[in-house]
Amino acid sequence: MLDQAVQDYGQMFGGGFPILKRHAVKHNIIDVETSATVVRIIQADNGSITLAGWRRTDHKALLTGVWTALGGWRVGTGTGISKSNLFPKA
């Protein structure tokens, strides 16, 4: 499921921002870079898949999201998330 979520992320926005880099941090954590975003996608022990990251053009616009097999990604921007907490040492 995690691999499908990563593939789906690369297809967001009509595939306009394909995945440039993909790095498996752990078996349940994958860092993904597109030309527009940098995100960390995590699958929790209960199977839920979420992401956190930011847009490259506006580092103040932090992204968070959740993925479901039936609905795909639901991503929004927010504030109050510290970048230092997004990518802790795994």
N, C-alpha and C. Protein backbone atom coordinates (compact mmCIF):
# COMPACT_ATOMS: atom_id res chain seq x y z
N MET A 1 0.81 -1.20 0.00
CA MET A 1 0.00 0.00 0.00
C MET A 1 0.86 1.27 0.00
N LEU A 2 1.96 1.23 0.72
CA LEU A 2 2.82 2.41 0.77
C LEU A 2 3.36 2.75 -0.62
N ASP A 3 3.79 1.73 -1.36
CA ASP A 3 4.29 1.99 -2.72
C ASP A 3 3.21 2.60 -3.61
N GLN A 4 1.97 2.13 -3.46
CA GLN A 4 0.87 2.68 -4.25
C GLN A 4 0.62 4.14 -3.89
N ALA A 5 0.71 4.46 -2.60
CA ALA A 5 0.52 5.83 -2.15
C ALA A 5 1.60 6.75 -2.74
N VAL A 6 2.84 6.26 -2.79
CA VAL A 6 3.93 7.05 -3.36
C VAL A 6 3.68 7.27 -4.85
N GLN A 7 3.30 6.22 -5.56
CA GLN A 7 2.99 6.35 -6.99
C GLN A 7 1.85 7.33 -7.22
N ASP A 8 0.82 7.24 -6.39
CA ASP A 8 -0.32 8.16 -6.52
C ASP A 8 0.11 9.60 -6.28
N TYR A 9 1.04 9.82 -5.35
CA TYR A 9 1.51 11.17 -5.09
C TYR A 9 2.17 11.75 -6.34
N GLY A 10 2.92 10.92 -7.06
CA GLY A 10 3.56 11.37 -8.29
C GLY A 10 2.57 11.69 -9.40
N GLN A 11 1.35 11.17 -9.29
CA GLN A 11 0.32 11.41 -10.30
C GLN A 11 -0.62 12.56 -9.95
N MET A 12 -0.44 13.13 -8.76
CA MET A 12 -1.28 14.27 -8.38
C MET A 12 -1.09 15.41 -9.36
N PHE A 13 -2.02 16.30 -9.42
CA PHE A 13 -1.96 17.48 -10.29
C PHE A 13 -1.81 17.07 -11.75
N GLY A 14 -2.47 15.99 -12.12
CA GLY A 14 -2.43 15.52 -13.50
C GLY A 14 -1.07 15.01 -13.93
N GLY A 15 -0.26 14.57 -12.97
CA GLY A 15 1.07 14.07 -13.29
C GLY A 15 2.05 15.17 -13.65
N GLY A 16 1.68 16.42 -13.36
CA GLY A 16 2.51 17.56 -13.72
C GLY A 16 3.78 17.70 -12.90
N PHE A 17 3.86 17.01 -11.77
CA PHE A 17 5.04 17.06 -10.92
C PHE A 17 5.52 15.64 -10.63
N PRO A 18 6.14 14.99 -11.61
CA PRO A 18 6.58 13.61 -11.40
C PRO A 18 7.66 13.53 -10.33
N ILE A 19 7.82 12.36 -9.75
CA ILE A 19 8.80 12.14 -8.69
C ILE A 19 10.21 12.22 -9.27
N LEU A 20 11.02 13.11 -8.67
CA LEU A 20 12.41 13.25 -9.08
C LEU A 20 13.32 12.36 -8.25
N LYS A 21 13.05 12.30 -6.95
CA LYS A 21 13.84 11.47 -6.03
C LYS A 21 12.91 10.74 -5.09
N ARG A 22 13.30 9.53 -4.75
CA ARG A 22 12.55 8.70 -3.81
C ARG A 22 13.57 7.96 -2.97
N HIS A 23 13.47 8.10 -1.64
CA HIS A 23 14.44 7.48 -0.75
C HIS A 23 13.71 6.76 0.38
N ALA A 24 13.92 5.46 0.49
CA ALA A 24 13.33 4.69 1.58
C ALA A 24 14.17 4.89 2.84
N VAL A 25 13.60 5.61 3.80
CA VAL A 25 14.28 5.88 5.06
C VAL A 25 14.23 4.64 5.95
N LYS A 26 13.05 4.02 6.00
CA LYS A 26 12.79 2.76 6.71
C LYS A 26 11.77 2.01 5.88
N HIS A 27 11.41 0.84 6.32
CA HIS A 27 10.42 0.06 5.55
C HIS A 27 9.06 0.74 5.48
N ASN A 28 8.78 1.66 6.40
CA ASN A 28 7.48 2.32 6.42
C ASN A 28 7.57 3.84 6.22
N ILE A 29 8.74 4.33 5.82
CA ILE A 29 8.93 5.78 5.62
C ILE A 29 9.66 6.01 4.30
N ILE A 30 9.07 6.84 3.44
CA ILE A 30 9.69 7.17 2.16
C ILE A 30 9.69 8.68 1.97
N ASP A 31 10.88 9.22 1.68
CA ASP A 31 11.00 10.64 1.35
C ASP A 31 10.84 10.77 -0.16
N VAL A 32 10.06 11.76 -0.58
CA VAL A 32 9.75 11.95 -1.99
C VAL A 32 9.98 13.42 -2.36
N GLU A 33 10.66 13.63 -3.48
CA GLU A 33 10.86 14.99 -3.99
C GLU A 33 10.30 15.08 -5.40
N THR A 34 9.53 16.13 -5.64
CA THR A 34 9.09 16.48 -6.98
C THR A 34 9.67 17.87 -7.27
N SER A 35 9.43 18.37 -8.44
CA SER A 35 9.94 19.72 -8.74
C SER A 35 9.23 20.77 -7.90
N ALA A 36 8.08 20.44 -7.34
CA ALA A 36 7.30 21.42 -6.59
C ALA A 36 7.27 21.17 -5.09
N THR A 37 7.53 19.92 -4.64
CA THR A 37 7.37 19.60 -3.22
C THR A 37 8.47 18.69 -2.70
N VAL A 38 8.61 18.69 -1.37
CA VAL A 38 9.45 17.74 -0.64
C VAL A 38 8.56 17.21 0.47
N VAL A 39 8.33 15.88 0.48
CA VAL A 39 7.45 15.31 1.50
C VAL A 39 8.02 14.02 2.06
N ARG A 40 7.56 13.67 3.24
CA ARG A 40 7.83 12.37 3.85
C ARG A 40 6.50 11.65 3.97
N ILE A 41 6.44 10.45 3.41
CA ILE A 41 5.23 9.64 3.44
C ILE A 41 5.48 8.49 4.41
N ILE A 42 4.55 8.33 5.36
CA ILE A 42 4.72 7.37 6.44
C ILE A 42 3.51 6.45 6.52
N GLN A 43 3.77 5.15 6.66
CA GLN A 43 2.70 4.20 6.94
C GLN A 43 2.81 3.79 8.39
N ALA A 44 1.77 4.07 9.16
CA ALA A 44 1.74 3.74 10.59
C ALA A 44 1.49 2.25 10.77
N ASP A 45 1.70 1.78 11.98
CA ASP A 45 1.48 0.37 12.30
C ASP A 45 0.05 -0.08 12.02
N ASN A 46 -0.90 0.84 12.14
CA ASN A 46 -2.31 0.49 11.89
C ASN A 46 -2.66 0.53 10.40
N GLY A 47 -1.67 0.85 9.54
CA GLY A 47 -1.89 0.87 8.10
C GLY A 47 -2.20 2.23 7.51
N SER A 48 -2.49 3.22 8.35
CA SER A 48 -2.81 4.55 7.82
C SER A 48 -1.57 5.17 7.19
N ILE A 49 -1.79 5.93 6.11
CA ILE A 49 -0.69 6.54 5.37
C ILE A 49 -0.89 8.05 5.34
N THR A 50 0.13 8.78 5.78
CA THR A 50 0.06 10.23 5.85
C THR A 50 1.33 10.83 5.24
N LEU A 51 1.27 12.14 5.00
CA LEU A 51 2.46 12.83 4.54
C LEU A 51 2.59 14.17 5.24
N ALA A 52 3.81 14.65 5.27
CA ALA A 52 4.10 16.00 5.76
C ALA A 52 5.28 16.52 4.94
N GLY A 53 5.26 17.79 4.61
CA GLY A 53 6.34 18.37 3.83
C GLY A 53 6.05 19.82 3.51
N TRP A 54 6.65 20.31 2.43
CA TRP A 54 6.46 21.71 2.05
C TRP A 54 6.61 21.87 0.56
N ARG A 55 6.07 23.00 0.07
CA ARG A 55 6.25 23.38 -1.34
C ARG A 55 7.61 24.05 -1.48
N ARG A 56 8.29 23.76 -2.57
CA ARG A 56 9.62 24.36 -2.80
C ARG A 56 9.54 25.86 -3.03
N THR A 57 8.46 26.33 -3.63
CA THR A 57 8.35 27.74 -3.98
C THR A 57 8.05 28.62 -2.78
N ASP A 58 7.44 28.07 -1.77
CA ASP A 58 7.05 28.85 -0.60
C ASP A 58 7.25 27.98 0.63
N HIS A 59 8.43 28.04 1.21
CA HIS A 59 8.76 27.15 2.32
C HIS A 59 7.88 27.40 3.55
N LYS A 60 7.07 28.44 3.52
CA LYS A 60 6.15 28.70 4.63
C LYS A 60 4.87 27.90 4.47
N ALA A 61 4.59 27.41 3.26
CA ALA A 61 3.37 26.65 3.00
C ALA A 61 3.66 25.18 3.25
N LEU A 62 3.39 24.74 4.46
CA LEU A 62 3.63 23.35 4.83
C LEU A 62 2.46 22.48 4.39
N LEU A 63 2.77 21.28 3.95
CA LEU A 63 1.76 20.36 3.44
C LEU A 63 1.53 19.22 4.43
N THR A 64 0.30 18.83 4.57
CA THR A 64 -0.04 17.63 5.31
C THR A 64 -1.10 16.91 4.51
N GLY A 65 -1.16 15.60 4.65
CA GLY A 65 -2.16 14.87 3.89
C GLY A 65 -2.36 13.46 4.39
N VAL A 66 -3.42 12.85 3.88
CA VAL A 66 -3.76 11.47 4.20
C VAL A 66 -4.14 10.76 2.91
N TRP A 67 -3.78 9.47 2.81
CA TRP A 67 -4.06 8.68 1.62
C TRP A 67 -4.96 7.51 1.97
N THR A 68 -5.93 7.25 1.10
CA THR A 68 -6.75 6.04 1.22
C THR A 68 -6.75 5.34 -0.13
N ALA A 69 -6.88 4.02 -0.10
CA ALA A 69 -6.85 3.24 -1.34
C ALA A 69 -7.98 3.63 -2.28
N LEU A 70 -9.13 3.97 -1.73
CA LEU A 70 -10.28 4.31 -2.56
C LEU A 70 -10.30 5.78 -2.97
N GLY A 71 -9.81 6.66 -2.12
CA GLY A 71 -9.91 8.08 -2.39
C GLY A 71 -8.64 8.77 -2.83
N GLY A 72 -7.51 8.09 -2.72
CA GLY A 72 -6.24 8.72 -3.07
C GLY A 72 -5.81 9.72 -2.01
N TRP A 73 -5.05 10.72 -2.43
CA TRP A 73 -4.51 11.72 -1.51
C TRP A 73 -5.49 12.86 -1.26
N ARG A 74 -5.54 13.31 -0.03
CA ARG A 74 -6.21 14.55 0.37
C ARG A 74 -5.13 15.37 1.05
N VAL A 75 -4.68 16.42 0.36
CA VAL A 75 -3.54 17.21 0.84
C VAL A 75 -3.99 18.65 1.02
N GLY A 76 -3.52 19.26 2.09
CA GLY A 76 -3.81 20.65 2.36
C GLY A 76 -2.58 21.36 2.87
N THR A 77 -2.65 22.67 2.92
CA THR A 77 -1.55 23.46 3.47
C THR A 77 -1.95 23.94 4.84
N GLY A 78 -0.96 24.20 5.64
CA GLY A 78 -1.23 24.66 6.99
C GLY A 78 -0.05 25.39 7.56
N THR A 79 -0.24 25.89 8.75
CA THR A 79 0.84 26.56 9.46
C THR A 79 0.93 25.94 10.83
N GLY A 80 1.96 26.30 11.55
CA GLY A 80 2.11 25.80 12.90
C GLY A 80 2.84 24.47 12.97
N ILE A 81 3.37 24.01 11.84
CA ILE A 81 4.15 22.78 11.83
C ILE A 81 5.60 23.17 11.66
N SER A 82 6.44 22.72 12.54
CA SER A 82 7.86 23.04 12.45
C SER A 82 8.56 22.10 11.47
N LYS A 83 9.33 22.65 10.54
CA LYS A 83 10.07 21.81 9.59
C LYS A 83 11.00 20.84 10.31
N SER A 84 11.55 21.26 11.43
CA SER A 84 12.47 20.38 12.15
C SER A 84 11.76 19.13 12.66
N ASN A 85 10.45 19.20 12.83
CA ASN A 85 9.69 18.03 13.30
C ASN A 85 9.21 17.15 12.15
N LEU A 86 9.28 17.65 10.91
CA LEU A 86 8.80 16.88 9.78
C LEU A 86 9.71 15.73 9.43
N PHE A 87 10.99 15.92 9.55
CA PHE A 87 11.95 14.90 9.14
C PHE A 87 12.88 14.54 10.30
N PRO A 88 12.32 13.97 11.37
CA PRO A 88 13.19 13.57 12.50
C PRO A 88 14.07 12.41 12.06
N LYS A 89 15.13 12.20 12.76
CA LYS A 89 16.01 11.07 12.45
C LYS A 89 15.25 9.78 12.70
N ALA A 90 15.25 8.93 11.70
CA ALA A 90 14.48 7.67 11.79
C ALA A 90 15.30 6.59 12.48
